[in-house]
Protein backbone atom coordinates (compact mmCIF):
# COMPACT_ATOMS: atom_id res chain seq x y z
CA MET A 1 -0.01 0.12 -0.25
CA LEU A 2 3.00 2.62 0.44
CA ARG A 3 4.78 1.68 -2.76
CA PRO A 4 6.47 5.21 -4.15
CA LEU A 5 4.68 6.48 -7.10
CA CYS A 6 5.28 5.56 -10.95
CA THR A 7 7.63 8.62 -12.02
CA THR A 8 6.08 7.96 -16.01
CA GLY A 9 2.81 7.87 -14.35
CA LEU A 10 2.85 11.71 -12.58
CA THR A 11 4.46 12.81 -16.12
CA VAL A 12 1.28 11.49 -17.83
CA ALA A 13 -0.49 12.86 -15.01
CA THR A 14 0.81 16.78 -14.91
CA LEU A 15 -0.34 16.81 -18.85
CA PHE A 16 -3.51 15.88 -18.44
CA PHE A 17 -4.26 18.19 -15.03
CA ALA A 18 -2.77 20.67 -17.23
CA PHE A 19 -5.23 19.79 -20.17
CA SER A 20 -8.22 19.48 -17.52
CA LEU A 21 -7.48 23.40 -17.25
CA THR A 22 -8.25 24.28 -21.06
CA PRO A 23 -12.31 25.18 -21.76
CA SER A 24 -15.26 23.32 -22.81
CA LEU A 25 -18.70 23.64 -23.76
CA VAL A 26 -19.64 25.80 -20.66
CA PRO A 27 -17.99 27.73 -17.72
CA ARG A 28 -17.34 25.75 -14.86
CA PRO A 29 -17.54 26.37 -10.93
CA PHE A 30 -14.54 26.32 -9.07
CA VAL A 31 -15.52 22.60 -7.20
CA ALA A 32 -16.63 21.03 -11.02
CA GLN A 33 -13.07 21.95 -12.05
CA GLY A 34 -11.01 20.63 -8.90
CA LEU A 35 -13.06 16.87 -9.54
CA ILE A 36 -12.08 17.35 -13.44
CA SER A 37 -8.84 18.16 -12.87
CA GLY A 38 -7.99 15.25 -10.06
CA LEU A 39 -10.18 12.48 -12.34
CA SER A 40 -7.99 13.93 -15.26
CA PHE A 41 -4.53 13.73 -12.80
CA THR A 42 -6.10 10.03 -11.85
CA ALA A 43 -6.65 8.43 -15.34
CA GLY A 44 -3.08 10.38 -16.43
CA TYR A 45 -1.48 8.30 -13.68
CA ALA A 46 -2.94 5.11 -14.65
CA LEU A 47 -2.69 5.66 -18.12
CA GLY A 48 1.52 6.20 -17.64
CA VAL A 49 1.93 3.48 -15.35
CA TRP A 50 -0.19 0.83 -18.18
CA ALA A 51 2.27 2.46 -20.59
CA LEU A 52 5.18 1.33 -18.73
CA TRP A 53 3.83 -1.91 -17.92
CA LEU A 54 2.87 -2.78 -21.37
CA TRP A 55 6.78 -1.66 -22.61
CA GLY A 56 8.10 -4.01 -20.18
CA TRP A 57 5.83 -6.88 -21.30
CA LEU A 58 6.49 -6.34 -24.85
CA GLY A 59 10.21 -6.51 -23.92
CA ILE A 60 11.20 -3.34 -25.58
CA PRO A 61 14.92 -2.20 -24.22
CA GLN A 62 14.61 0.57 -21.53
CA LEU A 63 17.31 3.37 -21.10
CA ARG A 64 19.50 3.49 -18.12
CA GLY A 65 21.82 4.85 -16.13
CA ARG A 66 22.75 9.03 -16.94
CA VAL A 67 20.58 9.48 -19.71
CA ALA A 68 17.56 7.82 -18.11
CA LEU A 69 18.21 9.77 -15.55
CA TRP A 70 18.46 13.01 -17.20
CA LEU A 71 15.55 12.12 -19.62
CA ARG A 72 12.93 11.32 -16.71
CA VAL A 73 14.18 15.09 -14.98
CA ALA A 74 13.89 16.73 -18.53
CA THR A 75 10.62 15.37 -19.28
CA ALA A 76 9.09 16.15 -15.55
CA VAL A 77 10.31 19.45 -15.90
CA LEU A 78 8.87 20.62 -19.05
CA CYS A 79 5.19 19.13 -17.48
CA VAL A 80 5.29 20.65 -14.77
CA LEU A 81 5.96 23.72 -16.93
CA VAL A 82 3.22 22.86 -19.22
CA ALA A 83 0.76 22.64 -16.02
CA MET A 84 2.57 26.05 -14.91
CA VAL A 85 1.38 27.86 -18.32
CA PHE A 86 -2.53 26.19 -18.56
CA LEU A 87 -3.02 27.21 -14.48
CA TRP A 88 -2.09 30.61 -15.51
CA ARG A 89 -3.96 30.47 -18.84
CA ALA A 90 -7.15 28.77 -17.54
CA ALA A 91 -8.85 31.81 -15.59
CA GLY A 92 -8.85 33.51 -19.38
CA TRP A 93 -10.28 30.85 -20.87
CA GLN A 94 -13.07 30.80 -18.59
CA ASN A 95 -13.81 34.80 -18.66
CA ASP A 96 -13.67 34.48 -22.27
CA LEU A 97 -15.91 31.68 -22.84
CA ARG A 98 -18.24 33.48 -20.11
CA GLY A 99 -18.15 36.90 -22.06
CA LEU A 100 -19.17 34.53 -25.52
CA MET A 101 -22.06 34.04 -22.99
CA GLY A 102 -22.49 37.41 -21.82
CA MET A 103 -21.78 36.60 -18.27
CA PRO A 104 -19.55 38.71 -16.26
CA GLU A 105 -16.33 37.56 -15.59
CA ASP A 106 -15.27 35.25 -12.57
CA ALA A 107 -12.43 36.03 -9.90
CA GLY A 108 -10.60 33.41 -11.11
CA VAL A 109 -9.67 29.29 -10.79
CA ARG A 110 -8.21 29.54 -7.16
CA PRO A 111 -4.98 27.21 -8.01
CA PHE A 112 -4.49 26.01 -4.50
CA GLY A 113 -8.00 24.80 -3.94
CA ILE A 114 -7.93 22.96 -7.27
CA GLY A 115 -4.93 21.58 -6.35
CA VAL A 116 -6.12 20.04 -2.77
CA ILE A 117 -9.03 18.34 -4.42
CA THR A 118 -6.80 16.92 -7.31
CA VAL A 119 -4.60 15.44 -4.57
CA LEU A 120 -7.74 14.09 -2.28
CA LEU A 121 -9.21 12.63 -5.28
CA PHE A 122 -5.86 11.18 -6.84
CA VAL A 123 -4.72 9.51 -3.20
CA GLY A 124 -8.62 8.26 -2.46
CA VAL A 125 -8.67 6.38 -5.89
CA LEU A 126 -5.00 5.27 -5.56
CA CYS A 127 -5.78 4.05 -1.97
CA VAL A 128 -8.56 1.99 -4.08
CA ALA A 129 -6.70 0.71 -6.63
CA ARG A 130 -3.90 -0.30 -4.00
CA LEU A 131 -6.62 -2.83 -1.95
CA PHE A 132 -7.64 -4.21 -5.39
CA ARG A 133 -4.03 -4.97 -6.27
CA LEU A 134 -3.16 -6.37 -3.08
CA VAL A 135 -6.42 -8.43 -2.72
CA PHE A 136 -5.96 -9.82 -6.17
CA GLY A 137 -2.33 -11.09 -5.15
CA LEU A 138 -4.33 -12.54 -2.10
CA ILE A 139 -6.61 -14.46 -4.12
CA ALA A 140 -3.83 -15.24 -6.80
CA LYS A 141 -1.60 -16.70 -3.80
CA GLN A 142 -4.29 -19.22 -2.86
CA LEU A 143 -4.98 -20.25 -6.07
CA ARG A 144 -1.46 -20.71 -6.99
CA ARG A 145 -1.53 -23.72 -4.79
CA VAL A 146 -3.64 -25.83 -6.79
CA ILE A 147 -3.70 -24.55 -9.91
CA PRO A 148 -0.77 -23.26 -12.49
CA PRO A 149 0.34 -19.56 -11.97
CA ARG A 150 -0.94 -17.85 -15.37
CA ILE A 151 -4.52 -19.21 -15.02
CA ALA A 152 -4.48 -18.58 -10.88
CA HIS A 153 -3.93 -15.09 -12.18
CA GLY A 154 -6.31 -15.07 -14.36
CA VAL A 155 -9.02 -16.36 -11.90
CA GLY A 156 -7.64 -14.57 -9.52
CA LEU A 157 -8.32 -10.78 -11.49
CA VAL A 158 -11.47 -12.13 -12.37
CA LEU A 159 -12.78 -12.98 -8.32
CA ALA A 160 -11.13 -9.78 -7.12
CA PHE A 161 -13.00 -7.50 -10.10
CA MET A 162 -16.92 -9.12 -9.21
CA LEU A 163 -15.74 -8.52 -5.07
CA PHE A 164 -15.43 -4.49 -5.99
CA TRP A 165 -18.16 -4.41 -8.36
CA SER A 166 -20.59 -6.58 -5.94
CA VAL A 167 -19.35 -4.08 -3.19
CA GLY A 168 -19.23 -1.09 -5.39
CA ASN A 169 -22.21 -1.55 -7.46
CA GLY A 170 -24.02 -3.35 -5.40
CA VAL A 171 -23.84 -2.08 -1.53
CA LEU A 172 -22.80 1.11 -2.19
CA PHE A 173 -24.13 2.35 -5.29
CA SER A 174 -27.50 0.35 -4.36
CA MET A 175 -27.50 2.33 -0.93
CA ALA A 176 -26.41 5.75 -2.60
CA LEU A 177 -29.58 5.27 -4.90
CA ARG A 178 -31.99 4.21 -2.60
CA GLY A 179 -30.79 7.27 -0.26
CA ALA A 180 -31.57 9.39 -3.27
CA ASP A 181 -34.78 8.07 -3.86
CA ALA A 182 -36.06 8.30 -0.32
CA SER A 183 -34.83 11.95 -0.08
CA TYR A 184 -36.28 13.09 -3.13
CA HIS A 185 -39.70 11.16 -2.58
CA ASN A 186 -40.02 13.03 0.93
CA TRP A 187 -39.32 16.39 -0.60
CA HIS A 188 -42.19 15.73 -3.48
CA ILE A 189 -44.85 14.77 -1.42
CA THR A 190 -43.81 17.20 1.52
CA VAL A 191 -46.58 19.85 0.66
CA GLN A 192 -45.00 23.41 1.69
CA PRO A 193 -47.27 25.77 3.68
CA GLU A 194 -47.42 28.64 1.31
CA GLN A 195 -48.62 26.03 -0.98
CA SER A 196 -52.46 25.66 -1.02
CA PRO A 197 -55.13 24.01 -2.99
CA PRO A 198 -56.63 25.75 -6.18
CA SER A 199 -60.03 27.26 -5.57
CA ASP A 200 -60.64 27.03 -9.38
CA PRO A 201 -62.44 23.88 -10.05
CA LEU A 202 -61.46 23.91 -13.32
CA ARG A 203 -57.28 23.36 -12.16
CA THR A 204 -56.21 20.12 -11.17
CA GLY A 205 -55.65 19.83 -7.50
CA SER A 206 -58.45 21.38 -6.51
CA GLU A 207 -61.79 19.60 -4.19
CA ALA A 208 -63.60 18.89 -7.63
CA SER A 209 -59.76 16.99 -9.20
CA LEU A 210 -60.06 13.81 -9.70
CA ILE A 211 -56.16 14.07 -8.86
CA SER A 212 -55.74 15.02 -5.29
CA TRP A 213 -53.27 18.11 -4.03
CA GLU A 214 -51.18 15.50 -2.21
CA ASP A 215 -50.76 13.58 -4.81
CA LEU A 216 -49.36 16.06 -7.52
CA GLY A 217 -46.18 15.89 -5.95
CA GLN A 218 -43.97 18.92 -5.23
CA ARG A 219 -43.15 19.54 -8.95
CA GLY A 220 -47.34 18.92 -9.79
CA ARG A 221 -47.97 21.73 -7.33
CA ASP A 222 -45.52 24.18 -8.54
CA TYR A 223 -46.65 23.67 -12.00
CA ILE A 224 -50.57 24.27 -11.44
CA SER A 225 -49.76 26.90 -9.07
CA SER A 226 -47.68 28.45 -11.75
CA THR A 227 -50.49 29.01 -14.74
CA PRO A 228 -50.78 32.11 -16.26
CA SER A 229 -53.48 34.47 -15.79
CA GLY A 230 -54.32 38.29 -17.32
CA ASP A 231 -52.99 40.73 -19.68
CA GLY A 232 -51.77 39.04 -23.08
CA LEU A 233 -54.38 35.54 -22.86
CA ALA A 234 -57.96 35.31 -24.00
CA GLN A 235 -58.67 32.64 -21.24
CA GLU A 236 -56.81 30.93 -18.71
CA PRO A 237 -54.62 27.90 -20.15
CA ILE A 238 -55.80 24.57 -18.90
CA ARG A 239 -53.14 23.03 -17.02
CA VAL A 240 -53.17 19.31 -16.31
CA TYR A 241 -50.45 17.19 -14.07
CA VAL A 242 -50.82 13.51 -12.85
CA GLY A 243 -48.26 12.93 -9.99
CA LEU A 244 -46.20 9.64 -9.68
CA GLY A 245 -48.21 8.91 -6.39
CA ALA A 246 -51.84 9.31 -8.10
CA ALA A 247 -52.14 5.32 -9.28
CA GLU A 248 -49.73 2.56 -9.49
CA THR A 249 -48.80 1.94 -13.78
CA PRO A 250 -47.78 3.99 -15.78
CA GLU A 251 -51.30 3.28 -17.81
CA GLU A 252 -53.68 4.04 -14.69
CA ARG A 253 -52.08 7.56 -14.33
CA ALA A 254 -52.72 7.70 -18.39
CA ALA A 255 -56.37 7.23 -17.53
CA LEU A 256 -56.55 9.01 -15.21
CA ALA A 257 -55.01 11.95 -17.17
CA VAL A 258 -57.37 11.77 -19.97
CA GLN A 259 -60.77 11.65 -17.29
CA GLU A 260 -59.40 14.86 -15.62
CA MET A 261 -58.78 16.83 -19.18
CA GLN A 262 -62.50 15.58 -20.04
CA ARG A 263 -63.71 17.04 -16.75
CA VAL A 264 -62.02 20.42 -17.30
CA GLY A 265 -62.27 20.63 -21.01
CA ALA A 266 -59.07 20.52 -22.72
CA PHE A 267 -60.64 18.70 -26.03
CA GLU A 268 -62.17 21.76 -26.63
CA ARG A 269 -59.21 24.08 -26.78
CA SER A 270 -57.92 24.92 -29.69
CA THR A 271 -54.44 23.16 -29.26
CA LEU A 272 -53.46 20.22 -27.02
CA LEU A 273 -49.98 20.10 -25.56
CA LEU A 274 -48.75 16.49 -24.45
CA VAL A 275 -45.64 17.33 -22.59
CA THR A 276 -43.44 14.87 -21.14
CA PRO A 277 -41.39 16.03 -18.41
CA THR A 278 -37.68 15.51 -17.14
CA GLY A 279 -36.72 12.80 -14.67
CA THR A 280 -38.17 14.99 -11.79
CA GLY A 281 -41.56 15.63 -13.21
CA TRP A 282 -40.30 19.45 -13.78
CA VAL A 283 -41.58 20.97 -16.66
CA ASP A 284 -40.03 23.82 -17.98
CA PRO A 285 -41.72 27.16 -17.74
CA VAL A 286 -40.08 29.11 -20.27
CA ALA A 287 -41.22 26.66 -22.72
CA GLN A 288 -44.53 26.02 -21.27
CA LEU A 289 -45.69 30.13 -21.14
CA SER A 290 -44.25 31.25 -24.45
CA ALA A 291 -46.78 28.23 -26.28
CA GLU A 292 -49.57 29.42 -23.75
CA TYR A 293 -48.97 33.29 -24.40
CA LEU A 294 -48.31 32.85 -28.06
CA LEU A 295 -51.86 30.79 -28.19
CA ARG A 296 -53.05 33.40 -26.01
CA GLY A 297 -54.62 31.41 -23.69
CA ASP A 298 -56.59 28.62 -25.81
CA VAL A 299 -54.75 25.87 -25.08
CA ALA A 300 -54.38 22.80 -22.81
CA SER A 301 -51.22 20.59 -21.36
CA VAL A 302 -50.88 17.60 -20.06
CA THR A 303 -48.23 15.56 -18.22
CA ALA A 304 -47.74 12.60 -16.12
CA GLN A 305 -44.43 12.29 -13.59
CA TYR A 306 -42.63 8.98 -13.91
CA SER A 307 -40.04 9.81 -11.81
CA TYR A 308 -38.69 11.54 -8.22
CA LEU A 309 -34.79 11.15 -9.29
CA PRO A 310 -32.68 13.73 -11.58
CA SER A 311 -32.79 12.95 -14.95
CA PHE A 312 -29.20 11.82 -15.32
CA LEU A 313 -29.77 9.69 -12.75
CA ALA A 314 -33.17 8.33 -14.28
CA LEU A 315 -31.88 7.63 -17.16
CA LEU A 316 -29.16 5.47 -15.96
CA VAL A 317 -31.57 3.70 -13.87
CA GLU A 318 -34.74 3.93 -15.28
CA SER A 319 -34.66 4.62 -18.32
CA GLU A 320 -37.42 2.11 -19.53
CA TYR A 321 -39.76 3.33 -17.05
CA GLY A 322 -39.88 7.16 -18.68
CA LYS A 323 -40.49 5.52 -21.83
CA GLN A 324 -42.85 3.34 -20.79
CA SER A 325 -44.88 6.13 -19.16
CA ALA A 326 -44.41 8.80 -22.44
CA GLN A 327 -46.27 5.58 -23.97
CA ALA A 328 -49.06 4.86 -21.89
CA LEU A 329 -49.88 8.89 -21.93
CA PHE A 330 -49.53 9.03 -25.77
CA GLN A 331 -51.54 5.83 -26.56
CA ALA A 332 -54.10 7.07 -23.96
CA VAL A 333 -54.72 10.68 -25.38
CA TYR A 334 -54.08 10.16 -28.46
CA GLY A 335 -56.44 7.23 -28.60
CA TYR A 336 -59.35 9.79 -27.56
CA TRP A 337 -58.34 12.57 -29.79
CA ARG A 338 -58.51 10.57 -32.90
CA THR A 339 -62.19 9.69 -31.58
CA LEU A 340 -63.20 13.30 -31.87
CA PRO A 341 -64.32 14.77 -35.23
CA ARG A 342 -61.45 15.90 -37.27
CA ASP A 343 -62.87 19.44 -37.45
CA GLU A 344 -63.63 20.12 -33.95
CA ARG A 345 -61.06 18.42 -32.41
CA PRO A 346 -57.65 20.35 -31.13
CA ASP A 347 -54.33 20.37 -32.56
CA LEU A 348 -51.93 17.97 -30.94
CA TYR A 349 -48.61 18.79 -30.35
CA LEU A 350 -45.60 17.18 -28.81
CA TYR A 351 -43.03 18.62 -26.37
CA GLY A 352 -40.03 17.75 -24.02
CA LEU A 353 -36.67 19.09 -22.94
CA SER A 354 -33.80 16.61 -22.33
CA LEU A 355 -34.66 13.65 -20.94
CA GLY A 356 -38.82 14.67 -21.50
CA ALA A 357 -37.48 15.14 -25.17
CA LEU A 358 -36.27 11.17 -25.48
CA ASN A 359 -39.04 9.70 -23.93
CA SER A 360 -41.46 12.09 -25.78
CA SER A 361 -39.26 10.94 -29.45
CA ARG A 362 -39.67 7.34 -28.45
CA ALA A 363 -43.97 7.66 -27.02
CA PHE A 364 -44.98 6.74 -30.26
CA ASP A 365 -44.99 4.38 -33.25
CA ALA A 366 -45.17 6.55 -36.79
CA HIS A 367 -46.55 3.32 -38.41
CA ASP A 368 -49.59 3.44 -35.64
CA ILE A 369 -49.73 7.32 -36.51
CA ILE A 370 -49.57 7.70 -40.46
CA GLY A 371 -53.07 6.95 -40.75
CA ASP A 372 -54.43 9.75 -38.59
CA PRO A 373 -51.02 11.76 -37.77
CA PHE A 374 -51.04 14.41 -34.84
CA HIS A 375 -49.63 17.39 -35.92
CA GLY A 376 -45.95 17.88 -34.54
CA ALA A 377 -43.62 18.21 -31.89
CA LEU A 378 -41.09 20.64 -30.57
CA TRP A 379 -38.25 18.61 -28.69
CA SER A 380 -35.61 20.88 -26.96
CA GLY A 381 -31.94 19.61 -25.65
CA PRO A 382 -32.31 16.20 -26.83
CA PRO A 383 -29.99 14.26 -24.89
CA PHE A 384 -26.94 12.33 -27.05
CA ARG A 385 -28.70 8.66 -26.17
CA SER A 386 -31.74 9.68 -28.30
CA GLU A 387 -31.98 7.10 -31.08
CA VAL A 388 -34.15 9.25 -33.16
CA TRP A 389 -32.28 12.64 -32.88
CA ARG A 390 -28.66 10.77 -33.69
CA ASP A 391 -30.00 9.04 -37.20
CA LEU A 392 -31.33 12.10 -38.14
CA THR A 393 -28.26 13.75 -37.45
CA ALA A 394 -26.32 11.08 -38.96
CA GLN A 395 -28.23 11.21 -42.39
CA ARG A 396 -28.09 15.18 -42.43
CA ARG A 397 -27.11 16.84 -45.61
CA SER A 398 -22.89 16.58 -45.95
CA SER A 399 -23.24 20.66 -46.39
CA SER A 400 -25.05 21.44 -43.08
CA PRO A 401 -22.99 21.48 -39.81
CA VAL A 402 -23.63 18.55 -37.06
CA TRP A 403 -24.55 21.08 -34.67
CA LEU A 404 -27.67 22.57 -37.02
CA PRO A 405 -28.58 19.43 -39.28
CA ARG A 406 -30.75 19.66 -42.35
CA PHE A 407 -32.23 16.79 -42.83
CA ARG A 408 -33.58 16.14 -46.59
CA ASP A 409 -35.84 18.85 -48.13
CA GLY A 410 -36.93 20.06 -44.71
CA SER A 411 -40.82 18.84 -45.67
CA VAL A 412 -41.22 17.45 -42.36
CA ILE A 413 -37.90 17.85 -39.69
CA ARG A 414 -36.11 20.85 -39.09
CA PHE A 415 -33.43 21.67 -36.77
CA MET A 416 -32.72 25.35 -34.86
CA ASN A 417 -30.56 27.34 -32.77
CA GLN A 418 -29.97 31.13 -31.54
CA ASP A 419 -29.76 31.91 -35.16
CA GLY A 420 -32.85 30.13 -35.88
CA GLY A 421 -32.94 27.41 -39.13
CA LEU A 422 -36.71 26.74 -38.76
CA GLU A 423 -37.44 28.88 -41.70
CA ARG A 424 -34.77 26.77 -43.85
CA GLY A 425 -36.13 24.37 -46.38
CA ASP A 426 -36.13 23.42 -49.81
CA ALA A 427 -40.00 22.66 -49.70
CA GLU A 428 -42.51 23.87 -47.57
CA TRP A 429 -42.91 22.62 -44.55
CA GLY A 430 -45.84 20.50 -44.43
CA PRO A 431 -49.03 20.10 -41.87
CA TYR A 432 -47.05 17.12 -39.90
CA ARG A 433 -43.90 19.38 -38.24
CA ILE A 434 -40.90 18.26 -36.06
CA ALA A 435 -38.49 20.54 -34.67
CA TYR A 436 -35.20 20.60 -32.65
CA LEU A 437 -34.61 23.48 -30.32
CA GLN A 438 -30.71 22.91 -29.80
CA TYR A 439 -27.17 24.79 -29.08
CA ALA A 440 -24.27 24.02 -30.16
CA SER A 441 -22.79 24.35 -26.57
CA ASP A 442 -25.14 21.71 -24.94
CA PRO A 443 -23.32 19.35 -23.19
CA VAL A 444 -26.54 17.25 -22.59
CA THR A 445 -26.83 16.65 -26.40
CA PHE A 446 -23.03 16.59 -27.78
CA PHE A 447 -21.46 14.41 -25.44
CA SER A 448 -21.32 11.03 -26.61
CA PRO A 449 -18.90 7.98 -24.96
CA ASP A 450 -16.50 7.75 -27.94
CA ILE A 451 -15.48 11.41 -27.12
CA PHE A 452 -12.84 10.10 -24.85
CA TRP A 453 -10.74 8.45 -27.57
CA ARG A 454 -12.18 10.15 -30.49
CA SER A 455 -12.52 14.08 -31.56
CA PRO A 456 -15.87 14.66 -31.83
CA GLU A 457 -17.28 16.32 -35.17
CA TRP A 458 -18.67 19.16 -33.74
CA LEU A 459 -15.18 20.69 -33.14
CA GLN A 460 -14.54 20.98 -37.02
CA ASP A 461 -15.05 24.12 -38.19
CA PRO A 462 -17.39 25.85 -38.72
CA ARG A 463 -17.84 25.60 -35.01
CA GLY A 464 -21.49 26.71 -33.27
CA PRO A 465 -21.76 30.13 -32.81
CA ASP A 466 -21.58 29.61 -28.76
CA VAL A 467 -18.50 27.13 -28.99
CA SER A 468 -14.94 28.64 -27.98
CA PRO A 469 -12.41 29.04 -30.13
CA ALA A 470 -10.12 28.01 -27.40
CA LEU A 471 -11.82 24.66 -27.15
CA ARG A 472 -9.06 21.90 -27.80
CA TRP A 473 -9.67 18.02 -27.78
CA PHE A 474 -7.66 15.68 -25.80
CA PRO A 475 -8.30 12.06 -25.26
CA ILE A 476 -9.91 11.20 -22.08
CA VAL A 477 -10.01 14.58 -20.23
CA THR A 478 -12.38 16.42 -22.67
CA GLY A 479 -14.67 13.55 -22.06
CA LEU A 480 -14.29 14.13 -18.38
CA GLN A 481 -14.94 17.49 -19.41
CA LEU A 482 -18.33 17.13 -20.80
CA LEU A 483 -19.34 15.24 -17.93
CA ALA A 484 -18.86 17.95 -15.41
CA ASP A 485 -20.70 20.23 -17.91
CA ILE A 486 -23.69 18.44 -17.99
CA TRP A 487 -23.30 17.41 -14.24
CA ALA A 488 -22.46 21.06 -13.14
CA GLY A 489 -22.37 23.59 -15.98
CA ASP A 490 -23.12 27.17 -15.28
CA ALA A 491 -24.87 28.34 -18.20
CA PRO A 492 -27.20 31.54 -18.46
CA ARG A 493 -30.18 31.27 -20.51
CA GLY A 494 -29.46 30.96 -24.39
CA TYR A 495 -26.49 28.64 -24.03
CA GLY A 496 -25.68 25.48 -23.15
CA HIS A 497 -28.66 23.35 -21.80
CA GLU A 498 -30.94 26.42 -20.78
CA TYR A 499 -33.01 27.22 -23.33
CA SER A 500 -34.40 30.90 -23.63
CA MET A 501 -37.85 32.31 -24.02
CA ALA A 502 -37.56 34.17 -27.07
CA ASP A 503 -36.07 30.71 -28.97
CA TYR A 504 -39.03 28.90 -27.68
CA ILE A 505 -41.16 31.45 -28.95
CA THR A 506 -39.37 31.63 -32.23
CA ALA A 507 -39.76 27.72 -32.21
CA TRP A 508 -43.38 27.38 -31.67
CA HIS A 509 -44.54 30.05 -33.58
CA ALA A 510 -42.68 28.38 -36.42
CA LEU A 511 -44.61 25.08 -35.48
CA MET A 512 -47.91 25.93 -34.76
CA ALA A 513 -48.09 29.00 -36.92
CA PRO A 514 -50.68 31.06 -34.87
CA GLU A 515 -52.59 33.80 -36.24
CA GLY A 516 -52.61 37.67 -35.49
CA TRP A 517 -48.41 37.62 -34.59
CA ASP A 518 -46.34 39.81 -36.95
CA GLU A 519 -42.24 40.27 -36.30
CA GLU A 520 -43.40 43.30 -34.40
CA SER A 521 -45.66 41.81 -31.93
CA LEU A 522 -43.53 38.94 -31.68
CA ALA A 523 -40.53 41.30 -30.58
CA ARG A 524 -42.60 42.52 -27.96
CA LEU A 525 -44.01 39.59 -26.66
CA ARG A 526 -40.02 37.77 -26.32
CA ASP A 527 -39.27 41.66 -24.75
CA THR A 528 -42.49 41.26 -22.18
CA LEU A 529 -41.82 37.59 -21.03
CA GLU A 530 -38.43 37.85 -20.74
CA ALA A 531 -38.78 40.77 -18.32
CA THR A 532 -40.72 38.27 -16.20
CA ARG A 533 -38.32 35.75 -15.58
């Protein structure tokens, strides 16, 4: 456990530490930078140790004596100098990125604090790695008594890995997950003192509602309580929300949602939004309000919660459950909607952000709706795991960049960012419309597992307007940076994974084409709604 550190490993680790200080897609808080630097340093050390072992295993001669010593010293000095230069440049890189996104400058990167986090993380991981080696050695030693040495080492390695995996995944991870689930569950079911059930019988959660105020959950209560009214609306929009505790199964919650929609007259509005929330059941109020004001309140929305966990945890452990919930709600709502007379039923649109976009796109099969399609969908910030988004991007026209694809003639599917895009198409946008709203600086969309070993297409020229010119790809390190961007990135509205009111208004207007709006009135609406956020 107290063996000296590998010089080659420390050399590579220092380079990886330096690379971790370069900019990524969005600005990073101090703690996130420390964790990235620590993980990068650790990964570099492991890579250096492995490379040295491989060199010896292949039988390649090694330099020895004074030449080898001077080479190691020169390499170490060079790596330290590189790290010092990168540490000196780090604050400038981060502030340049913040300036690109209209954010004020930060005080700096706090080198001492980053160094402490890096050392603590490295020491912790190193202790676990050496404990693993110790356990592996003990198992192999016992096995060598009864089986040949090479077989003993192979079996010992497998058994040690299984032991550590069962402890880490089966015990520690499961305990942490159960704790997180219990914590989020308790938060959702606790009714805050300042929240009282609505008195309007047409609101979900009222005394007349089929869904109790308590069963809405915290996200549902926030969603219903923030229903807009007043200036700019001809009538109050309808919002229907079914919390996770309202019924046992996705199918039961979907059936309850349709019954509640019938009770409040949702199918009598001119437009119906089927909204798939994020992991916790959250619906982006910016997207919701922009649609409701564009339609002047003549709209009904329906949402069903499927998890208490944040999106990144729900995607990891409950991805199929989100899909099942979205499918159940779509089938129930669409099934009833298509029984209505075509000239009397509302226009039906789908919406989802992030994990909601993924599950919304998985909610239906095109073959099932081709005879009677709904009107369209708006999916913002689609996560990299979205199969539909990946296929469309891969099949884009070669003249379009990966961060703003053009798909075929644009008659069905179009993409947009801060600078527009939905107005572009060789053919007229038809009655069935799919729109993607995405920013080139969104790590949730543009992360991919292969970024650890391959430079992504979105780094090629031309880059997106919100991607730093100083961003460079480094193996392993860039992947860790983007994971940190997903987890703790700090971007304002209009960048990263924070989609702006102005862009939502542009997207909804292009998608639904509501009457009575021109560029001047749209600009006033953007200014009015932005001022309320």
